[in-house]
């Protein structure tokens, strides 16, 4: 049953789902907006672009380390109240970033955002599933992913444009302002959401004894690492390898995110109908995109086509893995999603770090090759897991 309790009068559940999707837009915008600002931040603090990119790794690994402990610490708190606290931390931390006088202070602000991020993504997917009308859980997850895609369509390119016009600090200021508006919307639209099926520390060993679920966790790390090995350095790749201007970078980021909207729709249509085939197909397409990145750089049109396909398949992959986790851990969704969010960010950090090392030691031309090789290994691992743990996957419920 969907939950619309604790408020006067009936509330259309889709409005609450949309409020959470807007929140996803904000949180994913701020996580990835440095991708389009690396050069400007590097100039401010006299640092190489590749080294500034390590802030993505630090942020992601902070989320990974904090997700489970913070989820357990807050597991008894009513969810609407908890989201309000999370947004306050998020907004204040953006102020710290905007006022940073050096790179370490910027990192402190980013760590505050990472703490808010860790709690937000530990609870949001399960809340969307709880709120969704009966039989519409896949569509609700797709709408949440649409918020993620819009962050890439609008958030990251707009953040880059604002950074170019006014300076990168104003990007963080404006994200904080929009976050305050979204917080007000959440507090008005969300029903009371008592903690439910959040799990506890004692549920952790139970979850880790489910081999199908553990395989999804491992594949999440490797698949996300593959993607972010290349995506983290899209800006310098386009400018230095493809020899295209900064405006093209903005359009490429815009196209990537826009294609993600198609990916969300594709998942809503087929992701829960043929889950195994859907997952394997998206991993195969991800490997093709990454391995073709260097070759496509020689022609602007080819690069745009590849970026569009890449945007579609990565959102499909992320949604497919998230749905698998929810289905395999329906009795302890918050613990399971905290682990998923943490491990997803392990992959982000590992990809950003690996892309940094590839760029420094071999050259940015090879980030797609390395990422594609990891995607192929993930594809092989997924095929093996789906075959070996067929019974476990057959028992999932969402």
Protein backbone atom coordinates (compact mmCIF):
# COMPACT_ATOMS: atom_id res chain seq x y z
CA UNK A 1 0.00 0.00 0.00
CA UNK A 2 1.11 3.55 -0.65
CA UNK A 3 1.43 5.72 2.46
CA UNK A 4 -0.35 9.02 2.75
CA UNK A 5 -0.78 9.29 6.50
CA UNK A 6 -0.29 11.96 9.10
CA UNK A 7 -1.62 14.84 6.99
CA UNK A 8 -5.03 16.45 6.70
CA UNK A 9 -6.83 15.51 3.54
CA UNK A 10 -5.78 13.16 0.76
CA UNK A 11 -2.53 13.79 -1.02
CA UNK A 12 -1.87 12.61 -4.55
CA UNK A 13 1.14 10.29 -4.13
CA UNK A 14 2.66 11.42 -7.41
CA UNK A 15 3.20 14.92 -6.02
CA UNK A 16 5.31 13.43 -3.22
CA UNK A 17 7.23 11.29 -5.73
CA UNK A 18 7.89 14.41 -7.81
CA UNK A 19 9.16 16.25 -4.72
CA UNK A 20 11.68 13.48 -4.12
CA UNK A 21 12.64 13.53 -7.81
CA UNK A 22 13.37 17.27 -7.47
CA UNK A 23 15.54 16.46 -4.48
CA UNK A 24 17.42 13.88 -6.54
CA UNK A 25 17.98 16.61 -9.13
CA UNK A 26 19.62 18.83 -6.51
CA UNK A 27 21.79 16.15 -4.94
CA UNK A 28 23.06 14.79 -8.24
CA UNK A 29 23.68 18.25 -9.63
CA UNK A 30 26.00 19.11 -6.78
CA UNK A 31 27.78 15.76 -6.81
CA UNK A 32 28.76 15.96 -10.45
CA UNK A 33 28.86 19.71 -11.14
CA UNK A 34 32.65 19.81 -10.55
CA UNK A 35 32.99 17.71 -13.72
CA UNK A 36 32.25 20.90 -15.68
CA UNK A 37 34.23 23.21 -13.38
CA UNK A 38 37.55 21.41 -12.93
CA UNK A 39 39.54 23.83 -15.06
CA UNK A 40 38.13 26.95 -13.37
CA UNK A 41 38.69 25.60 -9.87
CA UNK A 42 42.20 24.55 -10.85
CA UNK A 43 42.99 28.06 -12.08
CA UNK A 44 41.70 29.59 -8.84
CA UNK A 45 43.92 27.40 -6.67
CA UNK A 46 46.84 27.01 -9.15
CA UNK A 47 46.32 23.24 -9.50
CA UNK A 48 46.36 20.79 -12.41
CA UNK A 49 42.92 19.76 -13.68
CA UNK A 50 43.66 16.07 -13.04
CA UNK A 51 44.52 16.83 -9.41
CA UNK A 52 41.37 18.92 -8.88
CA UNK A 53 39.47 15.91 -10.19
CA UNK A 54 40.50 14.02 -7.05
CA UNK A 55 37.83 16.01 -5.20
CA UNK A 56 35.36 13.69 -6.92
CA UNK A 57 37.16 10.72 -5.40
CA UNK A 58 37.29 12.28 -1.92
CA UNK A 59 33.60 13.17 -2.07
CA UNK A 60 32.54 9.76 -3.33
CA UNK A 61 34.59 7.81 -0.82
CA UNK A 62 33.32 10.02 2.02
CA UNK A 63 29.79 9.07 0.98
CA UNK A 64 30.83 5.42 0.82
CA UNK A 65 32.27 5.48 4.35
CA UNK A 66 29.41 7.49 5.86
CA UNK A 67 26.35 5.86 4.25
CA UNK A 68 25.87 2.85 6.51
CA UNK A 69 26.93 4.47 9.85
CA UNK A 70 24.75 7.54 9.27
CA UNK A 71 21.81 5.42 8.15
CA UNK A 72 22.05 3.31 11.31
CA UNK A 73 22.40 6.43 13.45
CA UNK A 74 19.22 7.93 11.96
CA UNK A 75 17.20 4.76 11.35
CA UNK A 76 14.50 5.52 13.96
CA UNK A 77 13.88 9.14 12.87
CA UNK A 78 10.67 9.96 11.01
CA UNK A 79 11.72 10.36 7.39
CA UNK A 80 10.23 13.76 6.55
CA UNK A 81 11.93 15.30 9.58
CA UNK A 82 15.19 13.57 8.68
CA UNK A 83 15.07 14.96 5.14
CA UNK A 84 14.66 18.46 6.60
CA UNK A 85 17.82 18.06 8.69
CA UNK A 86 19.68 16.63 5.70
CA UNK A 87 18.78 19.68 3.60
CA UNK A 88 19.95 22.11 6.27
CA UNK A 89 23.38 20.43 6.37
CA UNK A 90 23.42 20.41 2.58
CA UNK A 91 22.67 24.15 2.29
CA UNK A 92 25.17 25.26 4.95
CA UNK A 93 27.90 23.16 3.33
CA UNK A 94 27.32 24.89 0.01
CA UNK A 95 27.95 28.20 1.74
CA UNK A 96 31.30 26.87 2.95
CA UNK A 97 32.22 25.83 -0.62
CA UNK A 98 31.25 29.22 -2.04
CA UNK A 99 33.43 31.05 0.50
CA UNK A 100 36.42 28.65 0.36
CA UNK A 101 39.73 30.52 0.43
CA UNK A 102 41.77 27.47 -0.53
CA UNK A 103 41.34 23.92 -1.79
CA UNK A 104 41.30 22.24 1.68
CA UNK A 105 38.42 24.51 2.80
CA UNK A 106 36.57 23.62 -0.40
CA UNK A 107 37.04 19.95 0.47
CA UNK A 108 35.63 20.55 3.98
CA UNK A 109 32.48 21.99 2.44
CA UNK A 110 32.26 19.07 0.04
CA UNK A 111 32.56 16.62 2.93
CA UNK A 112 29.54 18.27 4.60
CA UNK A 113 27.59 17.85 1.36
CA UNK A 114 28.78 14.23 1.20
CA UNK A 115 27.35 13.54 4.69
CA UNK A 116 23.95 14.88 3.59
CA UNK A 117 24.22 12.89 0.37
CA UNK A 118 24.95 9.68 2.28
CA UNK A 119 21.73 9.89 4.30
CA UNK A 120 19.60 11.12 1.40
CA UNK A 121 20.39 8.24 -0.95
CA UNK A 122 20.21 5.68 1.84
CA UNK A 123 16.48 6.31 2.29
CA UNK A 124 15.10 7.92 -0.87
CA UNK A 125 14.65 4.94 -3.19
CA UNK A 126 12.78 2.95 -0.54
CA UNK A 127 10.61 6.00 0.26
CA UNK A 128 9.64 6.39 -3.39
CA UNK A 129 8.62 2.74 -3.53
CA UNK A 130 6.55 3.16 -0.34
CA UNK A 131 4.78 6.27 -1.62
CA UNK A 132 4.09 5.03 -5.14
CA UNK A 133 0.55 3.93 -6.07
CA UNK A 134 0.03 0.15 -6.14
CA UNK A 135 1.59 -1.47 -9.18
CA UNK A 136 3.52 1.68 -10.15
CA UNK A 137 6.81 1.16 -8.30
CA UNK A 138 8.85 0.85 -11.49
CA UNK A 139 7.43 4.12 -12.79
CA UNK A 140 8.15 5.83 -9.47
CA UNK A 141 11.77 4.67 -9.54
CA UNK A 142 11.96 5.87 -13.12
CA UNK A 143 10.71 9.30 -12.04
CA UNK A 144 13.38 9.42 -9.33
CA UNK A 145 15.95 8.59 -11.98
CA UNK A 146 14.50 11.37 -14.13
CA UNK A 147 15.60 13.77 -11.40
CA UNK A 148 19.09 12.32 -11.72
CA UNK A 149 18.98 12.70 -15.50
CA UNK A 150 17.74 16.27 -15.28
CA UNK A 151 20.74 17.04 -13.10
CA UNK A 152 22.88 16.08 -16.08
CA UNK A 153 20.57 17.76 -18.59
CA UNK A 154 20.18 21.06 -16.74
CA UNK A 155 22.14 21.05 -13.50
CA UNK A 156 25.65 20.23 -14.65
CA UNK A 157 25.58 22.29 -17.90
CA UNK A 158 23.92 25.25 -16.12
CA UNK A 159 26.46 24.97 -13.33
CA UNK A 160 29.19 25.15 -15.94
CA UNK A 161 27.59 28.14 -17.69
CA UNK A 162 27.17 29.99 -14.38
CA UNK A 163 30.76 29.19 -13.52
CA UNK A 164 31.95 30.62 -16.83
CA UNK A 165 29.87 33.79 -16.49
CA UNK A 166 30.07 34.57 -12.77
CA UNK A 167 32.75 32.25 -11.40
CA UNK A 168 32.51 28.75 -10.01
CA UNK A 169 31.67 30.01 -6.49
CA UNK A 170 28.31 31.30 -7.69
CA UNK A 171 27.44 27.82 -8.90
CA UNK A 172 27.56 26.60 -5.30
CA UNK A 173 25.62 29.66 -4.06
CA UNK A 174 22.77 29.07 -6.50
CA UNK A 175 22.61 25.33 -5.76
CA UNK A 176 22.19 26.20 -2.08
CA UNK A 177 19.38 28.65 -2.85
CA UNK A 178 17.51 26.15 -5.03
CA UNK A 179 17.99 23.50 -2.34
CA UNK A 180 16.28 25.78 0.20
CA UNK A 181 13.27 26.12 -2.13
CA UNK A 182 13.09 22.36 -2.70
CA UNK A 183 13.27 21.73 1.06
CA UNK A 184 10.20 23.91 1.56
CA UNK A 185 8.39 21.97 -1.15
CA UNK A 186 9.31 18.65 0.47
CA UNK A 187 8.05 19.70 3.88
CA UNK A 188 4.72 20.70 2.34
CA UNK A 189 4.11 17.74 0.03
CA UNK A 190 5.56 14.71 1.78
CA UNK A 191 3.34 12.75 4.16
CA UNK A 192 4.59 11.66 7.56
CA UNK A 193 6.83 8.67 6.92
CA UNK A 194 7.69 6.70 10.04
CA UNK A 195 10.82 4.60 9.73
CA UNK A 196 9.82 1.24 8.25
CA UNK A 197 11.83 -1.86 7.31
CA UNK A 198 14.99 0.18 7.77
CA UNK A 199 16.84 -2.76 9.25
CA UNK A 200 19.59 -2.61 11.83
CA UNK A 201 23.21 -3.58 12.23
CA UNK A 202 22.07 -7.13 12.96
CA UNK A 203 20.49 -7.33 9.49
CA UNK A 204 23.82 -6.65 7.81
CA UNK A 205 25.22 -10.20 8.11
CA UNK A 206 21.87 -11.57 6.95
CA UNK A 207 22.03 -9.46 3.78
CA UNK A 208 25.64 -10.41 3.14
CA UNK A 209 24.68 -14.09 3.23
CA UNK A 210 22.57 -13.59 0.10
CA UNK A 211 24.97 -14.32 -2.78
CA UNK A 212 22.72 -12.80 -5.44
CA UNK A 213 22.63 -9.51 -3.53
CA UNK A 214 26.38 -9.54 -2.87
CA UNK A 215 27.03 -10.13 -6.57
CA UNK A 216 24.93 -7.04 -7.39
CA UNK A 217 27.00 -5.00 -4.94
CA UNK A 218 30.27 -6.13 -6.53
CA UNK A 219 29.00 -5.51 -10.05
CA UNK A 220 27.82 -2.05 -9.00
CA UNK A 221 31.36 -1.13 -7.94
CA UNK A 222 32.97 -2.35 -11.16
CA UNK A 223 30.30 -0.97 -13.50
CA UNK A 224 30.33 2.48 -11.90
CA UNK A 225 34.15 2.47 -11.88
CA UNK A 226 34.13 1.76 -15.61
CA UNK A 227 31.81 4.68 -16.30
CA UNK A 228 33.52 7.27 -14.12
CA UNK A 229 37.00 6.42 -15.33
CA UNK A 230 35.98 8.27 -18.49
CA UNK A 231 33.05 10.49 -17.47
CA UNK A 232 34.96 12.25 -14.67
CA UNK A 233 37.34 13.69 -17.25
CA UNK A 234 34.94 14.42 -20.09
CA UNK A 235 35.77 18.14 -19.99
CA UNK A 236 39.56 17.82 -20.48
CA UNK A 237 39.05 14.87 -22.89
CA UNK A 238 36.85 16.93 -25.19
CA UNK A 239 39.13 19.96 -25.07
CA UNK A 240 42.55 18.25 -25.20
CA UNK A 241 41.93 15.03 -27.15
CA UNK A 242 38.99 15.92 -29.40
CA UNK A 243 40.35 19.49 -29.76
CA UNK A 244 36.89 21.01 -29.38
CA UNK A 245 36.01 24.19 -27.53
CA UNK A 246 34.43 24.77 -24.13
CA UNK A 247 31.01 25.37 -25.68
CA UNK A 248 31.08 21.87 -27.15
CA UNK A 249 31.76 20.49 -23.65
CA UNK A 250 28.59 22.17 -22.39
CA UNK A 251 26.54 20.75 -25.25
CA UNK A 252 28.02 17.27 -24.75
CA UNK A 253 27.10 17.32 -21.05
CA UNK A 254 23.63 18.56 -21.94
CA UNK A 255 23.16 15.77 -24.46
CA UNK A 256 24.43 13.13 -22.04
CA UNK A 257 21.85 14.14 -19.45
CA UNK A 258 19.05 14.50 -21.98
CA UNK A 259 19.73 10.99 -23.21
CA UNK A 260 19.48 9.85 -19.61
CA UNK A 261 15.81 10.87 -19.68
CA UNK A 262 15.29 8.37 -22.47
CA UNK A 263 17.11 5.81 -20.37
CA UNK A 264 14.72 6.42 -17.47
CA UNK A 265 11.74 5.93 -19.78
CA UNK A 266 13.28 2.77 -21.22
CA UNK A 267 13.74 1.35 -17.73
CA UNK A 268 10.15 2.19 -16.77
CA UNK A 269 9.00 0.32 -19.89
CA UNK A 270 11.20 -2.78 -19.85
CA UNK A 271 13.48 -2.73 -16.81
CA UNK A 272 11.22 -4.78 -14.55
CA UNK A 273 9.73 -6.91 -17.33
CA UNK A 274 12.94 -8.60 -18.52
CA UNK A 275 15.44 -7.71 -15.78
CA UNK A 276 18.25 -10.14 -16.69
CA UNK A 277 18.26 -9.34 -20.42
CA UNK A 278 17.91 -5.63 -19.66
CA UNK A 279 20.95 -5.62 -17.35
CA UNK A 280 23.19 -7.59 -19.72
CA UNK A 281 22.18 -5.44 -22.69
CA UNK A 282 22.98 -2.20 -20.89
CA UNK A 283 26.39 -3.48 -19.77
CA UNK A 284 27.25 -4.59 -23.29
CA UNK A 285 26.24 -1.20 -24.67
CA UNK A 286 28.23 0.59 -21.93
CA UNK A 287 31.37 -1.36 -22.89
CA UNK A 288 30.89 -0.48 -26.57
CA UNK A 289 30.46 3.22 -25.76
CA UNK A 290 33.58 3.43 -23.63
CA UNK A 291 35.77 1.44 -26.00
CA UNK A 292 34.62 3.67 -28.89
CA UNK A 293 35.27 6.94 -27.07
CA UNK A 294 38.76 7.60 -28.44
CA UNK A 295 37.79 6.73 -32.04
CA UNK A 296 34.73 8.99 -31.89
CA UNK A 297 36.84 11.95 -30.75
CA UNK A 298 38.06 12.50 -34.30
CA UNK A 299 34.64 13.66 -35.47
CA UNK A 300 32.34 15.96 -33.50
CA UNK A 301 29.15 14.37 -34.84
CA UNK A 302 30.30 10.86 -33.96
CA UNK A 303 31.24 11.98 -30.47
CA UNK A 304 27.78 13.47 -29.90
CA UNK A 305 26.06 10.26 -31.06
CA UNK A 306 28.23 8.21 -28.73
CA UNK A 307 27.61 10.56 -25.80
CA UNK A 308 23.84 10.23 -26.34
CA UNK A 309 23.96 6.41 -26.33
CA UNK A 310 26.29 6.47 -23.32
CA UNK A 311 23.84 8.65 -21.37
CA UNK A 312 20.98 6.25 -22.09
CA UNK A 313 22.77 3.06 -21.08
CA UNK A 314 24.38 4.33 -17.90
CA UNK A 315 21.06 5.46 -16.41
CA UNK A 316 19.58 2.09 -17.40
CA UNK A 317 22.44 0.30 -15.65
CA UNK A 318 22.13 2.34 -12.45
CA UNK A 319 18.35 1.84 -12.28
CA UNK A 320 18.58 -1.87 -13.00
CA UNK A 321 21.06 -2.38 -10.15
CA UNK A 322 18.99 -0.26 -7.75
CA UNK A 323 15.84 -2.23 -8.52
CA UNK A 324 17.70 -5.50 -7.97
CA UNK A 325 18.87 -4.35 -4.53
CA UNK A 326 15.34 -3.32 -3.50
CA UNK A 327 13.94 -6.61 -4.73
CA UNK A 328 16.55 -8.78 -3.03
CA UNK A 329 16.40 -6.93 0.31
CA UNK A 330 12.75 -5.95 0.72
CA UNK A 331 12.97 -6.78 4.45
CA UNK A 332 15.84 -4.33 5.16
CA UNK A 333 15.60 -1.73 2.43
CA UNK A 334 17.40 1.16 4.14
CA UNK A 335 20.42 -0.92 5.19
CA UNK A 336 20.57 -2.45 1.73
CA UNK A 337 20.28 0.92 0.01
CA UNK A 338 22.85 2.47 2.33
CA UNK A 339 25.26 -0.24 1.23
CA UNK A 340 24.28 0.28 -2.39
CA UNK A 341 24.76 4.06 -2.18
CA UNK A 342 28.09 3.61 -0.41
CA UNK A 343 29.38 1.07 -2.92
CA UNK A 344 28.10 3.13 -5.85
CA UNK A 345 30.25 5.95 -4.53
CA UNK A 346 33.20 3.62 -4.07
CA UNK A 347 32.89 3.09 -7.82
CA UNK A 348 32.66 6.83 -8.49
CA UNK A 349 35.77 7.50 -6.43
CA UNK A 350 37.67 4.59 -7.92
CA UNK A 351 36.78 5.69 -11.44
CA UNK A 352 37.83 9.29 -10.81
CA UNK A 353 41.12 8.12 -9.27
CA UNK A 354 41.78 5.61 -12.04
CA UNK A 355 40.99 8.20 -14.70
CA UNK A 356 43.41 10.56 -12.97
CA UNK A 357 46.20 7.98 -13.10
CA UNK A 358 45.48 7.07 -16.71
CA UNK A 359 45.50 10.75 -17.67
CA UNK A 360 48.75 11.50 -15.82
CA UNK A 361 50.72 8.41 -16.88
CA UNK A 362 49.25 7.33 -20.23
CA UNK A 363 47.20 10.27 -21.48
CA UNK A 364 43.53 11.17 -21.51
CA UNK A 365 43.12 9.38 -24.86
CA UNK A 366 43.08 6.07 -22.99
CA UNK A 367 40.42 6.71 -20.35
CA UNK A 368 37.73 5.12 -22.55
CA UNK A 369 39.84 2.06 -23.28
CA UNK A 370 40.49 1.40 -19.60
CA UNK A 371 36.87 2.07 -18.65
CA UNK A 372 35.64 -0.17 -21.48
CA UNK A 373 37.85 -3.05 -20.36
CA UNK A 374 36.35 -2.82 -16.86
CA UNK A 375 32.85 -2.70 -18.35
CA UNK A 376 33.56 -5.93 -20.26
CA UNK A 377 34.68 -7.63 -17.06
CA UNK A 378 31.47 -6.41 -15.40
CA UNK A 379 29.42 -7.86 -18.26
CA UNK A 380 31.10 -11.25 -17.85
CA UNK A 381 30.59 -11.12 -14.09
CA UNK A 382 26.91 -10.26 -14.49
CA UNK A 383 26.33 -13.18 -16.87
CA UNK A 384 28.00 -15.56 -14.43
CA UNK A 385 26.07 -14.21 -11.42
CA UNK A 386 22.68 -14.37 -13.15
CA UNK A 387 23.35 -17.98 -14.10
CA UNK A 388 24.91 -19.19 -10.84
CA UNK A 389 22.43 -17.46 -8.49
CA UNK A 390 19.34 -17.92 -10.63
CA UNK A 391 17.22 -19.11 -7.71
CA UNK A 392 18.15 -16.09 -5.59
CA UNK A 393 17.26 -13.66 -8.35
CA UNK A 394 13.99 -15.48 -9.01
CA UNK A 395 12.94 -14.84 -5.39
CA UNK A 396 13.34 -11.03 -5.53
CA UNK A 397 10.24 -8.92 -4.90
CA UNK A 398 9.63 -5.28 -5.88
